[in-house]
Amino acid sequence: MCFQRFSLDLILKFSTKIKTGKCIAFFWAAWCGPCHDRSILRKIKEKYKDIKIVFVNIEEQINVANEYSIVIAPTYILFENSYPVNYAFGLQTFETLDQIISKTYF
């Protein structure tokens, strides 16, 4: 029998990063080809300077991925003051992600 070791420390670090303000958590995996294209997230960061972007490798931070029931890579979760307020699954275009952000936060 194999037991998965969960690290409370990783969950606490993640919780600290999303605690205040607006934050997009980008859940990705090394085996996910589209996850390696970060150009869309760079454009989002340029447009929305006040929104934090946190990268979560679902293979290395399994406990954080499980906490939010992540089963698809990539997955975007939009947080506001530590609460998830919207989700997007699969690779998103800049235009689509921009619309989701605008409708969610502004």
Protein backbone atom coordinates (compact mmCIF):
# COMPACT_ATOMS: atom_id res chain seq x y z
CA MET A 1 0.00 0.00 0.00
CA CYS A 2 1.28 3.47 -0.89
CA PHE A 3 0.44 6.58 1.10
CA GLN A 4 0.62 10.07 -0.40
CA ARG A 5 2.41 12.47 1.91
CA PHE A 6 0.63 15.80 2.23
CA SER A 7 2.52 18.89 3.25
CA LEU A 8 0.58 21.37 5.32
CA ASP A 9 3.46 23.78 4.74
CA LEU A 10 2.72 23.99 0.99
CA ILE A 11 -0.95 24.68 1.63
CA LEU A 12 -0.03 27.43 4.10
CA LYS A 13 2.41 29.01 1.62
CA PHE A 14 -0.25 28.96 -1.10
CA SER A 15 -2.86 30.38 1.30
CA THR A 16 -0.50 33.23 2.18
CA LYS A 17 -0.01 34.12 -1.49
CA ILE A 18 -3.74 34.32 -2.23
CA LYS A 19 -4.75 35.84 1.11
CA THR A 20 -5.26 39.46 0.06
CA GLY A 21 -6.26 41.13 -3.16
CA LYS A 22 -6.86 39.63 -6.56
CA CYS A 23 -4.89 36.56 -7.59
CA ILE A 24 -4.92 34.07 -10.44
CA ALA A 25 -3.67 30.60 -9.58
CA PHE A 26 -2.37 28.80 -12.66
CA PHE A 27 -2.37 25.04 -12.10
CA TRP A 28 -0.03 23.33 -14.56
CA ALA A 29 1.97 20.13 -15.11
CA ALA A 30 5.30 19.32 -16.77
CA TRP A 31 3.63 16.79 -19.10
CA CYS A 32 1.12 19.41 -20.30
CA GLY A 33 2.49 20.96 -23.50
CA PRO A 34 0.14 23.98 -23.59
CA CYS A 35 0.98 24.75 -19.94
CA HIS A 36 4.51 25.78 -20.95
CA ASP A 37 3.29 28.73 -23.04
CA ARG A 38 3.29 31.55 -20.50
CA SER A 39 2.90 34.38 -23.05
CA ILE A 40 -0.81 34.76 -22.28
CA LEU A 41 -0.12 35.12 -18.57
CA ARG A 42 2.63 37.67 -19.30
CA LYS A 43 0.11 39.75 -21.28
CA ILE A 44 -2.42 39.44 -18.44
CA LYS A 45 0.21 40.62 -15.93
CA GLU A 46 1.09 43.59 -18.17
CA LYS A 47 -2.56 44.62 -18.42
CA TYR A 48 -3.56 43.92 -14.80
CA LYS A 49 -0.54 44.93 -12.74
CA ASP A 50 -2.46 44.69 -9.45
CA ILE A 51 -3.40 41.03 -9.98
CA LYS A 52 -0.95 38.46 -8.60
CA ILE A 53 -0.26 35.30 -10.56
CA VAL A 54 0.71 32.15 -8.67
CA PHE A 55 2.00 29.05 -10.46
CA VAL A 56 1.13 25.67 -8.96
CA ASN A 57 2.74 22.53 -10.37
CA ILE A 58 0.07 19.90 -9.74
CA GLU A 59 2.64 17.10 -9.67
CA GLU A 60 4.82 18.73 -7.02
CA GLN A 61 2.08 20.43 -5.03
CA ILE A 62 -0.43 17.60 -5.02
CA ASN A 63 -1.95 18.70 -1.74
CA VAL A 64 -2.78 22.17 -3.10
CA ALA A 65 -4.19 20.67 -6.32
CA ASN A 66 -6.31 18.25 -4.29
CA GLU A 67 -7.55 21.06 -2.04
CA TYR A 68 -9.17 22.64 -5.12
CA SER A 69 -10.06 19.37 -6.90
CA ILE A 70 -7.82 20.08 -9.89
CA VAL A 71 -8.17 17.35 -12.53
CA ILE A 72 -7.39 19.31 -15.72
CA ALA A 73 -4.17 21.06 -16.68
CA PRO A 74 -4.10 23.91 -17.16
CA THR A 75 -6.69 25.24 -14.76
CA TYR A 76 -7.03 28.87 -13.73
CA ILE A 77 -8.68 29.81 -10.45
CA LEU A 78 -9.38 33.47 -9.79
CA PHE A 79 -9.24 34.39 -6.11
CA GLU A 80 -10.24 37.52 -4.25
CA ASN A 81 -9.08 37.84 -0.65
CA SER A 82 -8.46 34.07 -0.49
CA TYR A 83 -11.87 33.07 -1.87
CA PRO A 84 -12.19 31.38 -5.28
CA VAL A 85 -14.51 33.56 -7.36
CA ASN A 86 -14.18 32.03 -10.83
CA TYR A 87 -12.59 29.15 -12.74
CA ALA A 88 -11.36 28.47 -16.27
CA PHE A 89 -10.39 25.01 -17.47
CA GLY A 90 -8.01 24.17 -20.29
CA LEU A 91 -5.80 26.51 -22.27
CA GLN A 92 -7.42 29.93 -22.68
CA THR A 93 -6.72 32.58 -25.29
CA PHE A 94 -5.73 36.02 -24.06
CA GLU A 95 -9.10 37.40 -25.16
CA THR A 96 -11.10 34.75 -23.31
CA LEU A 97 -9.06 35.02 -20.12
CA ASP A 98 -9.25 38.82 -20.32
CA GLN A 99 -13.07 38.62 -20.53
CA ILE A 100 -13.22 36.25 -17.56
CA ILE A 101 -11.01 38.57 -15.50
CA SER A 102 -12.99 41.69 -16.47
CA LYS A 103 -16.34 40.09 -15.62
CA THR A 104 -15.02 38.66 -12.36
CA TYR A 105 -13.09 41.58 -10.91
CA PHE A 106 -14.32 44.78 -12.59
